[in-house]
Amino acid sequence: MVFDLVAPLGMAAATSDHTSVVSINLFVALLCGCIVIGHLLEENRWMNESITALIIGLCTGIVILLTTKGKSSHVLVFSEDLFFIYLLPPIIFNAGFQVKKKQFFRNFMTIMLFGAVGTLISFFIISFGAIALFRKMDIGSLDIGDFLAIGAIFSATDSVCTLQVLNQDETPLLYSLVFGEGVVNDATSVVLFNAIQNFDLVHIDAIIVFKFLSNFCYLFITSTFLGAFSGLLSAYIIKKLYFGRHSTDREVALMILMAYLSYMLAELLDLSGILTVFFCGIVMSHYTWHNVTESSRVTTKHSFATLSFIAETFLFLYVGMDALDIEKWKFVSGSPGKSVGVSSILIGLVLIGRAAFVFPLSFLSNLTKKSPDEKIIFKQQITIWWAGLMRGAVSMALAYNQFARSGHTQLRGNAIMITSTITVVLFSTVVFGLMTKPLVRLLLPHSAKHLSSILSEPSTPKALSCPLLENRHGSEGEMGGQLIPRPTRLGMLLSKPTHTVHHYWRKFDDAFMRPMFGGRGFVPFVPGSPIEQDLHE
């Protein structure tokens, strides 16, 4: 009797294992196909790898739908835990590890203005617009928490897709602004979304708003500190213990694991894992990377880039396949016009919400810039506005968290919001993504020549601090027998705040940080150290 019961269970388990193996094989084969097709279309002025993966996912979903006679369209079930725990960390970490720090921190205040303040503006516009319009459409039972969640969901720009559209070597200013805003924007959107779940939305008053803003500042500061601390700890350990003396594998493994540990610690402490792993990547590239052997430097650089590339391709491939999931669409099949109307309204709110902060905040940022080369011209503002219109996996994951359970929903209103989110993600990624490259070439035809002069500046602080270091023994200098007044430190800080802070940071970095944590030119020559091995090579 027991055997009769166990045998079917064993057969069911074997069938389930076989189905999983088939699904994994198919998905890996599709990933390989995305890489090959993306390589063949690399020179195409319209296509990029994210759009290629989306289209392949859509085609695969159609084939699976026809094969299973409309029962299913995907081989894996989407999970927000899979996205936030396994796929997002390597993407954000590699972005911080590979970013050009000089350009990023030169525009740090503008990035924070766009990423934090701009996201809040977009959040309020989308939320209030959804409340005003969706309540008149009778799309289902949605409360105030759902409408605010919609604002947070569609305030999250797709930094993954934007990074593939712009190139930091060809357009460093635009790349640093759009990319930096994307990282801070993702973190702000997730914090907003979590705050909506935790705060009492029925009785909103000034105290609740103050607590919310204080909580956001606390999360930003502590998350940044945790990421920097994790990066410095890895630099100190590798510098002191010389793992490369015995095995470069240990160096590479320690860097990868400590980067992932920083993200998981942030999640454990209810902080922003996105900000933590991003700043961990910046600190590791500044200190830790210079402490390892030459072979480890090459290995880590390509390993992080490869993991990020696979995760990005995986995400867009699955989003394309999941878009045709029949479970979600059957609840809105009776009113397709209403679903299209909701999607159109959301796209319109995204366009308005982004324009409402890009142009005004660019104007405010330009007021603080003295040099014309540092100001964001109108054509660049249009490019920034357009490049941030795309929505992607972060919006998908937050929408699933709010409106679905176990990958599907039984409520009509929730089903409409899930299908509308998928529609907005597909439309914005394909249409806006296809038009971004031609738009950049149309608006900024001479950007390459102008930006090459920026790239030709030396990476040392000399180019930034020459005016600060000239005639530093007095407040006045001589030129042609005439006395030239020199600004005080306060005057320099007010006239060129970014350059002044960068100058004094480099002095502090060279005097205290690099001797302790290592870095370029500050790794000691000790037998068995990375420097000795590099010299032998």
Protein backbone atom coordinates (compact mmCIF):
# COMPACT_ATOMS: atom_id res chain seq x y z
CA MET A 1 0.00 0.00 0.00
CA VAL A 2 2.82 2.34 0.94
CA PHE A 3 4.69 1.35 -2.24
CA ASP A 4 1.59 2.13 -4.34
CA LEU A 5 1.52 5.62 -2.78
CA VAL A 6 5.26 6.29 -3.08
CA ALA A 7 5.58 5.14 -6.70
CA PRO A 8 3.26 7.81 -8.17
CA LEU A 9 4.97 10.46 -6.05
CA GLY A 10 8.36 9.35 -7.38
CA MET A 11 7.06 9.40 -10.95
CA ALA A 12 5.60 12.90 -10.40
CA ALA A 13 8.92 14.13 -8.98
CA ALA A 14 10.82 12.65 -11.93
CA THR A 15 8.41 14.31 -14.36
CA SER A 16 8.82 17.63 -12.56
CA ASP A 17 12.62 17.33 -12.66
CA HIS A 18 12.53 16.50 -16.35
CA THR A 19 10.32 19.55 -17.05
CA SER A 20 12.72 21.78 -15.13
CA VAL A 21 15.70 20.44 -17.06
CA VAL A 22 13.92 21.03 -20.38
CA SER A 23 12.97 24.57 -19.33
CA ILE A 24 16.53 25.43 -18.25
CA ASN A 25 17.97 24.00 -21.47
CA LEU A 26 15.56 26.04 -23.56
CA PHE A 27 16.26 29.24 -21.63
CA VAL A 28 20.05 28.83 -21.83
CA ALA A 29 19.76 28.16 -25.57
CA LEU A 30 17.71 31.35 -25.93
CA LEU A 31 20.35 33.30 -24.01
CA CYS A 32 23.00 32.02 -26.42
CA GLY A 33 20.78 33.00 -29.34
CA CYS A 34 20.35 36.53 -27.92
CA ILE A 35 24.13 36.92 -27.65
CA VAL A 36 24.76 35.73 -31.21
CA ILE A 37 21.98 37.81 -32.77
CA GLY A 38 22.96 40.85 -30.69
CA HIS A 39 26.53 40.52 -31.99
CA LEU A 40 25.30 40.37 -35.59
CA LEU A 41 23.16 43.49 -35.04
CA GLU A 42 25.85 45.41 -33.13
CA GLU A 43 26.41 47.93 -35.90
CA ASN A 44 22.69 48.53 -36.44
CA ARG A 45 21.78 52.13 -35.66
CA TRP A 46 18.34 51.17 -34.32
CA MET A 47 18.67 47.87 -32.48
CA ASN A 48 20.36 47.14 -29.16
CA GLU A 49 20.70 43.94 -27.14
CA SER A 50 17.81 44.68 -24.78
CA ILE A 51 15.37 45.12 -27.66
CA THR A 52 16.78 41.99 -29.34
CA ALA A 53 16.19 39.95 -26.16
CA LEU A 54 12.65 41.35 -25.83
CA ILE A 55 11.74 40.43 -29.42
CA ILE A 56 13.23 36.94 -29.07
CA GLY A 57 11.27 36.50 -25.84
CA LEU A 58 8.04 37.58 -27.54
CA CYS A 59 8.61 35.20 -30.47
CA THR A 60 9.42 32.35 -28.09
CA GLY A 61 6.28 33.09 -26.07
CA ILE A 62 4.17 32.89 -29.22
CA VAL A 63 5.73 29.52 -30.16
CA ILE A 64 5.13 28.13 -26.66
CA LEU A 65 1.54 29.41 -26.72
CA LEU A 66 0.90 27.60 -30.00
CA THR A 67 2.67 24.45 -28.81
CA THR A 68 0.77 24.25 -25.51
CA LYS A 69 -2.52 25.29 -27.17
CA GLY A 70 -2.78 28.51 -25.18
CA LYS A 71 -1.99 27.08 -21.75
CA SER A 72 1.36 28.77 -21.17
CA SER A 73 3.80 31.20 -22.79
CA HIS A 74 6.91 30.93 -20.62
CA VAL A 75 9.29 28.33 -19.25
CA LEU A 76 10.08 30.02 -15.93
CA VAL A 77 7.79 31.77 -13.41
CA PHE A 78 8.69 35.40 -12.72
CA SER A 79 9.65 36.12 -9.13
CA GLU A 80 10.51 39.52 -7.67
CA ASP A 81 12.82 37.72 -5.22
CA LEU A 82 14.76 36.26 -8.15
CA PHE A 83 15.07 39.73 -9.63
CA PHE A 84 16.06 41.67 -6.51
CA ILE A 85 18.32 39.01 -4.93
CA TYR A 86 20.11 37.41 -7.88
CA LEU A 87 19.80 39.49 -11.05
CA LEU A 88 19.89 43.14 -9.96
CA PRO A 89 23.06 43.08 -7.74
CA PRO A 90 25.57 42.17 -10.51
CA ILE A 91 24.04 44.78 -12.85
CA ILE A 92 24.24 47.66 -10.36
CA PHE A 93 27.63 46.61 -8.96
CA ASN A 94 29.21 46.44 -12.41
CA ALA A 95 27.76 49.86 -13.21
CA GLY A 96 29.52 51.32 -10.17
CA PHE A 97 32.70 49.33 -10.80
CA GLN A 98 33.01 50.46 -14.44
CA VAL A 99 31.73 54.04 -14.12
CA LYS A 100 34.13 56.90 -14.77
CA LYS A 101 34.33 58.33 -11.28
CA LYS A 102 35.69 61.74 -12.30
CA GLN A 103 32.73 62.46 -14.58
CA PHE A 104 30.23 60.95 -12.15
CA PHE A 105 31.28 62.98 -9.11
CA ARG A 106 31.76 66.14 -11.19
CA ASN A 107 27.98 65.99 -11.83
CA PHE A 108 27.04 64.47 -8.48
CA MET A 109 24.78 67.32 -7.30
CA THR A 110 22.91 67.37 -10.61
CA ILE A 111 22.56 63.57 -10.47
CA MET A 112 21.11 63.78 -6.95
CA LEU A 113 18.80 66.58 -8.06
CA PHE A 114 17.44 64.45 -10.92
CA GLY A 115 17.50 61.10 -9.10
CA ALA A 116 15.94 62.08 -5.77
CA VAL A 117 14.00 65.34 -6.24
CA GLY A 118 13.03 64.52 -9.82
CA THR A 119 11.73 61.08 -8.87
CA LEU A 120 9.57 62.62 -6.12
CA ILE A 121 8.10 65.11 -8.62
CA SER A 122 7.38 62.33 -11.12
CA PHE A 123 5.90 60.18 -8.32
CA PHE A 124 3.38 62.86 -7.28
CA ILE A 125 2.37 63.69 -10.87
CA ILE A 126 1.78 60.03 -11.82
CA SER A 127 -0.01 59.25 -8.53
CA PHE A 128 -2.39 62.23 -8.67
CA GLY A 129 -2.95 61.72 -12.39
CA ALA A 130 -3.87 58.08 -11.79
CA ILE A 131 -6.25 59.04 -8.97
CA ALA A 132 -7.99 61.65 -11.12
CA LEU A 133 -8.32 59.56 -14.30
CA PHE A 134 -8.58 55.90 -13.25
CA ARG A 135 -11.42 56.48 -10.80
CA LYS A 136 -13.55 57.70 -13.71
CA MET A 137 -12.81 54.58 -15.79
CA ASP A 138 -14.16 51.95 -13.37
CA ILE A 139 -11.19 49.59 -13.71
CA GLY A 140 -11.70 47.82 -10.40
CA SER A 141 -11.37 48.25 -6.67
CA LEU A 142 -8.13 50.22 -6.21
CA ASP A 143 -7.50 52.14 -2.97
CA ILE A 144 -5.23 55.10 -2.24
CA GLY A 145 -2.31 52.77 -1.52
CA ASP A 146 -2.64 51.22 -4.96
CA PHE A 147 -2.63 54.62 -6.68
CA LEU A 148 0.46 55.75 -4.77
CA ALA A 149 2.12 52.43 -5.60
CA ILE A 150 1.39 53.13 -9.29
CA GLY A 151 3.28 56.41 -8.90
CA ALA A 152 6.30 54.61 -7.42
CA ILE A 153 6.17 51.81 -10.02
CA PHE A 154 6.19 54.11 -13.03
CA SER A 155 8.67 56.58 -11.55
CA ALA A 156 11.38 53.91 -11.83
CA THR A 157 13.35 54.48 -15.03
CA ASP A 158 15.12 51.58 -16.68
CA SER A 159 18.81 52.23 -16.07
CA VAL A 160 19.69 48.85 -17.57
CA CYS A 161 18.31 49.70 -21.00
CA THR A 162 19.60 53.26 -20.88
CA LEU A 163 23.15 52.06 -20.24
CA GLN A 164 23.00 50.08 -23.49
CA VAL A 165 21.70 53.07 -25.45
CA LEU A 166 24.33 55.60 -24.35
CA ASN A 167 28.10 55.08 -24.27
CA GLN A 168 30.22 56.72 -21.59
CA ASP A 169 33.19 57.12 -23.98
CA GLU A 170 31.17 58.82 -26.73
CA THR A 171 28.86 60.88 -24.50
CA PRO A 172 30.38 61.01 -20.99
CA LEU A 173 28.28 63.93 -19.73
CA LEU A 174 24.97 62.42 -20.84
CA TYR A 175 26.00 58.96 -19.71
CA SER A 176 26.97 60.13 -16.22
CA LEU A 177 23.75 62.11 -15.81
CA VAL A 178 21.34 59.48 -17.16
CA PHE A 179 23.14 56.57 -15.53
CA GLY A 180 23.65 58.27 -12.17
CA GLU A 181 20.06 59.43 -12.14
CA GLY A 182 18.95 55.89 -13.01
CA VAL A 183 20.74 54.34 -10.03
CA VAL A 184 19.48 56.96 -7.53
CA ASN A 185 16.06 56.83 -9.21
CA ASP A 186 15.79 53.05 -8.76
CA ALA A 187 16.77 53.34 -5.10
CA THR A 188 14.33 56.21 -4.53
CA SER A 189 11.49 54.35 -6.24
CA VAL A 190 12.04 51.21 -4.16
CA VAL A 191 12.22 53.29 -0.96
CA LEU A 192 9.00 55.08 -1.95
CA PHE A 193 7.30 51.78 -2.70
CA ASN A 194 8.36 50.27 0.65
CA ALA A 195 7.30 53.42 2.51
CA ILE A 196 3.84 53.16 0.96
CA GLN A 197 3.52 49.66 2.39
CA ASN A 198 4.65 50.71 5.88
CA PHE A 199 3.04 54.12 6.49
CA ASP A 200 -0.57 54.86 7.42
CA LEU A 201 -1.98 56.34 4.21
CA VAL A 202 -5.43 57.02 5.61
CA HIS A 203 -4.30 59.77 8.00
CA ILE A 204 -1.56 61.65 6.11
CA ASP A 205 -0.32 64.78 7.88
CA ALA A 206 2.84 66.87 8.20
CA ILE A 207 4.35 64.48 10.76
CA ILE A 208 3.96 61.49 8.43
CA VAL A 209 5.55 63.44 5.57
CA PHE A 210 8.45 64.53 7.83
CA LYS A 211 9.01 60.94 9.01
CA PHE A 212 8.99 59.75 5.42
CA LEU A 213 11.60 62.32 4.32
CA SER A 214 13.74 61.60 7.37
CA ASN A 215 13.55 57.88 6.65
CA PHE A 216 14.67 58.47 3.06
CA CYS A 217 17.69 60.54 4.14
CA TYR A 218 18.59 57.91 6.73
CA LEU A 219 18.37 55.13 4.15
CA PHE A 220 20.50 57.03 1.63
CA ILE A 221 23.27 57.93 4.10
CA THR A 222 23.46 54.55 5.84
CA SER A 223 23.27 52.59 2.57
CA THR A 224 26.09 54.67 1.09
CA PHE A 225 28.20 54.23 4.23
CA LEU A 226 27.65 50.46 4.26
CA GLY A 227 28.70 50.16 0.62
CA ALA A 228 31.83 52.27 1.17
CA PHE A 229 32.69 50.31 4.33
CA SER A 230 32.37 46.97 2.52
CA GLY A 231 34.63 48.17 -0.29
CA LEU A 232 37.24 49.54 2.12
CA LEU A 233 37.18 46.33 4.17
CA SER A 234 37.87 44.22 1.08
CA ALA A 235 40.71 46.57 0.08
CA TYR A 236 42.30 46.38 3.52
CA ILE A 237 42.07 42.58 3.74
CA ILE A 238 43.56 42.00 0.28
CA LYS A 239 46.30 44.62 0.83
CA LYS A 240 47.39 43.15 4.15
CA LEU A 241 47.10 39.42 3.43
CA TYR A 242 48.41 39.29 -0.19
CA PHE A 243 46.09 36.56 -1.46
CA GLY A 244 47.77 36.72 -4.86
CA ARG A 245 50.96 35.31 -3.34
CA HIS A 246 49.32 31.87 -3.23
CA SER A 247 46.33 32.03 -5.55
CA THR A 248 44.67 34.73 -7.61
CA ASP A 249 41.44 32.74 -7.37
CA ARG A 250 41.11 33.78 -3.73
CA GLU A 251 41.41 37.45 -4.64
CA VAL A 252 38.72 37.22 -7.30
CA ALA A 253 36.43 35.13 -5.09
CA LEU A 254 36.79 37.54 -2.16
CA MET A 255 35.95 40.57 -4.29
CA ILE A 256 32.85 38.91 -5.78
CA LEU A 257 31.60 37.58 -2.44
CA MET A 258 32.16 40.80 -0.48
CA ALA A 259 30.37 42.79 -3.17
CA TYR A 260 27.37 40.45 -2.94
CA LEU A 261 27.61 40.43 0.87
CA SER A 262 27.24 44.23 0.94
CA TYR A 263 23.96 43.96 -0.99
CA MET A 264 22.55 41.20 1.20
CA LEU A 265 23.56 43.03 4.40
CA ALA A 266 21.68 46.08 3.18
CA GLU A 267 18.58 43.95 2.52
CA LEU A 268 18.96 42.30 5.94
CA LEU A 269 19.12 45.72 7.64
CA ASP A 270 16.18 47.07 5.56
CA LEU A 271 18.44 49.53 3.73
CA SER A 272 18.74 50.25 0.01
CA GLY A 273 20.73 47.40 -1.51
CA ILE A 274 20.93 49.26 -4.83
CA LEU A 275 22.80 52.22 -3.35
CA THR A 276 24.95 49.98 -1.16
CA VAL A 277 26.24 47.71 -3.93
CA PHE A 278 26.68 50.69 -6.29
CA PHE A 279 28.97 52.61 -3.93
CA CYS A 280 30.70 49.35 -3.00
CA GLY A 281 31.57 48.99 -6.68
CA ILE A 282 32.95 52.55 -6.83
CA VAL A 283 35.12 52.05 -3.74
CA MET A 284 36.36 48.65 -4.91
CA SER A 285 37.40 50.06 -8.28
CA HIS A 286 39.25 52.90 -6.53
CA TYR A 287 41.11 50.87 -3.88
CA THR A 288 40.65 47.08 -3.98
CA TRP A 289 41.19 46.62 -7.72
CA HIS A 290 44.66 48.17 -7.53
CA ASN A 291 45.70 45.85 -4.68
CA VAL A 292 45.33 42.60 -6.62
CA THR A 293 47.66 41.06 -9.18
CA GLU A 294 47.51 42.02 -12.83
CA SER A 295 45.86 38.75 -13.81
CA SER A 296 43.22 39.26 -11.11
CA ARG A 297 42.51 42.77 -12.40
CA VAL A 298 41.78 41.45 -15.86
CA THR A 299 39.73 38.56 -14.46
CA THR A 300 37.57 40.68 -12.13
CA LYS A 301 36.91 43.36 -14.72
CA HIS A 302 35.64 40.86 -17.29
CA SER A 303 33.88 38.66 -14.71
CA PHE A 304 31.78 41.52 -13.36
CA ALA A 305 30.96 42.71 -16.88
CA THR A 306 30.00 39.18 -17.97
CA LEU A 307 27.73 38.56 -14.98
CA SER A 308 26.03 41.92 -15.55
CA PHE A 309 25.58 41.22 -19.26
CA ILE A 310 24.01 37.79 -18.66
CA ALA A 311 21.65 39.19 -16.00
CA GLU A 312 20.52 42.02 -18.31
CA THR A 313 19.89 39.63 -21.20
CA PHE A 314 18.04 37.23 -18.89
CA LEU A 315 15.75 40.00 -17.66
CA PHE A 316 14.71 41.33 -21.05
CA LEU A 317 14.31 37.84 -22.47
CA TYR A 318 11.96 36.84 -19.70
CA VAL A 319 9.98 40.10 -19.80
CA GLY A 320 9.31 39.40 -23.49
CA MET A 321 8.15 35.84 -22.76
CA ASP A 322 6.03 36.80 -19.75
CA ALA A 323 4.21 39.49 -21.72
CA LEU A 324 2.07 36.82 -23.40
CA ASP A 325 1.16 34.92 -20.22
CA ILE A 326 -2.45 33.88 -20.83
CA GLU A 327 -3.29 33.86 -17.08
CA LYS A 328 -3.12 37.64 -16.88
CA TRP A 329 -4.70 38.53 -20.20
CA LYS A 330 -7.83 36.40 -19.84
CA PHE A 331 -9.14 38.70 -17.09
CA VAL A 332 -9.00 41.76 -19.37
CA SER A 333 -10.08 40.03 -22.59
CA GLY A 334 -13.64 41.27 -22.10
CA SER A 335 -12.61 44.94 -22.20
CA PRO A 336 -9.48 45.32 -24.34
CA GLY A 337 -10.26 48.97 -25.03
CA LYS A 338 -10.13 49.80 -21.33
CA SER A 339 -6.74 48.07 -20.97
CA VAL A 340 -5.36 50.02 -23.92
CA GLY A 341 -6.77 53.24 -22.43
CA VAL A 342 -5.08 52.60 -19.08
CA SER A 343 -1.76 51.88 -20.79
CA SER A 344 -2.05 55.03 -22.91
CA ILE A 345 -2.79 57.16 -19.84
CA LEU A 346 0.20 55.70 -17.99
CA ILE A 347 2.51 56.42 -20.93
CA GLY A 348 1.18 59.98 -21.08
CA LEU A 349 1.74 60.45 -17.34
CA VAL A 350 5.28 59.10 -17.68
CA LEU A 351 6.00 61.61 -20.46
CA ILE A 352 4.55 64.52 -18.47
CA GLY A 353 6.09 63.44 -15.17
CA ARG A 354 9.58 63.24 -16.63
CA ALA A 355 9.30 66.55 -18.50
CA ALA A 356 8.03 68.22 -15.32
CA PHE A 357 11.39 67.79 -13.60
CA VAL A 358 14.05 67.40 -16.31
CA PHE A 359 13.69 70.89 -17.80
CA PRO A 360 13.07 72.90 -14.59
CA LEU A 361 15.82 71.10 -12.64
CA SER A 362 18.23 71.48 -15.57
CA PHE A 363 17.54 75.23 -15.44
CA LEU A 364 18.30 75.29 -11.71
CA SER A 365 21.45 73.24 -12.24
CA ASN A 366 22.66 75.60 -14.95
CA LEU A 367 22.32 78.55 -12.57
CA THR A 368 25.10 77.06 -10.42
CA LYS A 369 27.45 76.45 -13.37
CA LYS A 370 29.93 79.17 -14.26
CA SER A 371 31.46 77.59 -17.35
CA PRO A 372 29.29 77.21 -20.49
CA ASP A 373 30.82 73.76 -21.09
CA GLU A 374 29.39 72.52 -17.78
CA LYS A 375 25.85 73.69 -18.49
CA ILE A 376 23.19 71.33 -19.84
CA ILE A 377 22.06 72.76 -23.16
CA PHE A 378 18.49 72.35 -24.38
CA LYS A 379 19.33 69.56 -26.86
CA GLN A 380 21.03 67.61 -24.08
CA GLN A 381 17.98 68.12 -21.87
CA ILE A 382 15.76 66.63 -24.58
CA THR A 383 18.12 63.65 -24.83
CA ILE A 384 18.07 63.13 -21.05
CA TRP A 385 14.27 63.40 -21.00
CA TRP A 386 13.90 60.87 -23.83
CA ALA A 387 16.51 58.38 -22.59
CA GLY A 388 14.76 58.15 -19.21
CA LEU A 389 11.31 57.38 -20.62
CA MET A 390 11.97 53.63 -20.75
CA ARG A 391 10.54 51.37 -18.04
CA GLY A 392 11.86 47.89 -17.32
CA ALA A 393 12.36 45.10 -14.83
CA VAL A 394 12.19 47.28 -11.69
CA SER A 395 8.69 48.45 -12.67
CA MET A 396 7.72 44.85 -13.48
CA ALA A 397 8.96 43.54 -10.13
CA LEU A 398 7.23 46.27 -8.11
CA ALA A 399 3.99 45.77 -10.06
CA TYR A 400 4.05 42.03 -9.37
CA ASN A 401 4.68 42.74 -5.70
CA GLN A 402 1.72 45.13 -5.44
CA PHE A 403 -0.88 43.62 -7.78
CA ALA A 404 -0.09 39.91 -8.07
CA ARG A 405 0.61 36.92 -5.92
CA SER A 406 2.51 33.85 -7.15
CA GLY A 407 2.73 35.31 -10.65
CA HIS A 408 -1.00 35.79 -11.33
CA THR A 409 -4.04 37.60 -9.98
CA GLN A 410 -7.73 36.89 -9.74
CA LEU A 411 -8.94 40.50 -9.37
CA ARG A 412 -9.92 42.41 -12.48
CA GLY A 413 -8.39 45.72 -11.35
CA ASN A 414 -5.11 44.07 -10.44
CA ALA A 415 -5.04 42.13 -13.72
CA ILE A 416 -5.54 45.37 -15.68
CA MET A 417 -2.63 47.01 -13.83
CA ILE A 418 -0.33 44.01 -14.44
CA THR A 419 -1.13 43.86 -18.16
CA SER A 420 -0.86 47.65 -18.45
CA THR A 421 2.57 47.57 -16.79
CA ILE A 422 3.72 44.92 -19.27
CA THR A 423 2.36 47.00 -22.15
CA VAL A 424 4.14 50.16 -20.95
CA VAL A 425 7.41 48.28 -20.45
CA LEU A 426 7.27 46.72 -23.92
CA PHE A 427 6.20 49.91 -25.69
CA SER A 428 8.70 52.18 -23.93
CA THR A 429 11.62 49.79 -24.30
CA VAL A 430 11.00 48.98 -27.97
CA VAL A 431 9.71 52.31 -29.32
CA PHE A 432 11.69 54.75 -27.16
CA GLY A 433 14.72 52.46 -27.19
CA LEU A 434 14.71 52.18 -30.98
CA MET A 435 14.53 55.95 -31.40
CA THR A 436 17.11 56.94 -28.77
CA LYS A 437 20.23 56.31 -30.89
CA PRO A 438 18.97 58.26 -33.93
CA LEU A 439 17.73 61.03 -31.62
CA VAL A 440 21.16 61.40 -30.00
CA ARG A 441 22.83 61.56 -33.42
CA LEU A 442 20.28 64.10 -34.63
CA LEU A 443 20.43 66.40 -31.61
CA LEU A 444 24.15 66.11 -30.85
CA PRO A 445 25.93 65.59 -34.21
CA HIS A 446 29.12 67.30 -33.01
CA SER A 447 29.16 65.80 -29.53
CA ALA A 448 32.04 63.45 -30.30
CA LYS A 449 34.46 66.31 -31.02
CA HIS A 450 33.35 68.30 -28.00
CA LEU A 451 33.47 65.30 -25.68
CA SER A 452 36.88 64.17 -26.92
CA SER A 453 38.30 67.33 -25.38
CA ILE A 454 36.77 66.34 -22.05
CA LEU A 455 38.21 62.85 -22.30
CA SER A 456 41.64 64.25 -23.17
CA GLU A 457 41.88 66.01 -19.80
CA PRO A 458 44.37 64.32 -17.50
CA SER A 459 42.86 62.12 -14.83
CA THR A 460 45.11 63.61 -12.16
CA PRO A 461 43.80 66.45 -10.00
CA LYS A 462 46.20 68.86 -11.70
CA ALA A 463 43.72 69.83 -14.40
CA LEU A 464 41.07 70.57 -11.80
CA SER A 465 43.24 72.18 -9.16
CA CYS A 466 45.72 74.32 -11.12
CA PRO A 467 43.86 77.55 -10.28
CA LEU A 468 43.75 76.44 -6.65
CA LEU A 469 47.44 75.61 -6.36
CA GLU A 470 48.88 78.60 -8.22
CA ASN A 471 50.70 81.01 -5.92
CA ARG A 472 49.53 79.21 -2.83
CA HIS A 473 52.09 81.04 -0.68
CA GLY A 474 50.09 84.24 -0.82
CA SER A 475 46.71 85.66 -1.56
CA GLU A 476 48.03 87.64 -4.52
CA GLY A 477 50.13 86.69 -7.53
CA GLU A 478 52.27 88.52 -10.02
CA MET A 479 51.88 88.50 -13.79
CA GLY A 480 53.68 91.04 -15.91
CA GLY A 481 54.62 93.06 -12.84
CA GLN A 482 50.98 93.42 -11.77
CA LEU A 483 49.37 92.04 -8.68
CA ILE A 484 46.49 89.65 -9.37
CA PRO A 485 44.11 89.03 -6.46
CA ARG A 486 43.59 85.39 -5.53
CA PRO A 487 40.31 84.15 -4.08
CA THR A 488 40.15 82.85 -0.55
CA ARG A 489 39.25 79.23 0.20
CA LEU A 490 35.66 80.24 0.83
CA GLY A 491 35.62 82.16 -2.44
CA MET A 492 37.00 79.16 -4.31
CA LEU A 493 34.40 76.91 -2.69
CA LEU A 494 31.57 79.22 -3.74
CA SER A 495 32.88 79.82 -7.27
CA LYS A 496 33.91 76.22 -8.09
CA PRO A 497 32.45 73.97 -5.39
CA THR A 498 32.87 70.66 -7.23
CA HIS A 499 36.48 71.35 -8.25
CA THR A 500 37.37 72.61 -4.77
CA VAL A 501 35.88 69.58 -3.01
CA HIS A 502 37.61 67.28 -5.51
CA HIS A 503 40.97 68.98 -4.85
CA TYR A 504 40.79 68.66 -1.08
CA TRP A 505 39.44 65.12 -1.33
CA ARG A 506 42.46 64.10 -3.40
CA LYS A 507 44.79 65.61 -0.81
CA PHE A 508 43.01 63.68 1.96
CA ASP A 509 42.94 60.53 -0.18
CA ASP A 510 46.68 60.66 -0.90
CA ALA A 511 47.61 61.49 2.70
CA PHE A 512 45.40 59.06 4.64
CA MET A 513 43.18 56.73 2.62
CA ARG A 514 45.52 55.26 0.01
CA PRO A 515 48.41 54.56 2.39
CA MET A 516 46.00 52.52 4.53
CA PHE A 517 43.73 50.88 1.92
CA GLY A 518 45.98 50.89 -1.14
CA GLY A 519 45.19 52.13 -4.60
CA ARG A 520 47.00 53.37 -7.67
CA GLY A 521 50.62 54.12 -6.76
CA PHE A 522 50.15 53.41 -3.04
CA VAL A 523 50.52 49.64 -2.82
CA PRO A 524 53.74 48.96 -0.82
CA PHE A 525 56.55 46.91 -2.32
CA VAL A 526 56.72 43.89 -0.05
CA PRO A 527 57.99 40.40 -1.01
CA GLY A 528 55.06 38.39 -2.26
CA SER A 529 52.87 41.48 -2.79
CA PRO A 530 50.97 42.22 -6.03
CA ILE A 531 53.51 44.89 -6.99
CA GLU A 532 56.41 42.42 -6.90
CA GLN A 533 54.51 39.92 -9.04
CA ASP A 534 53.62 42.61 -11.57
CA LEU A 535 57.29 43.63 -11.83
CA HIS A 536 58.33 40.01 -12.41
CA GLU A 537 55.77 39.74 -15.20
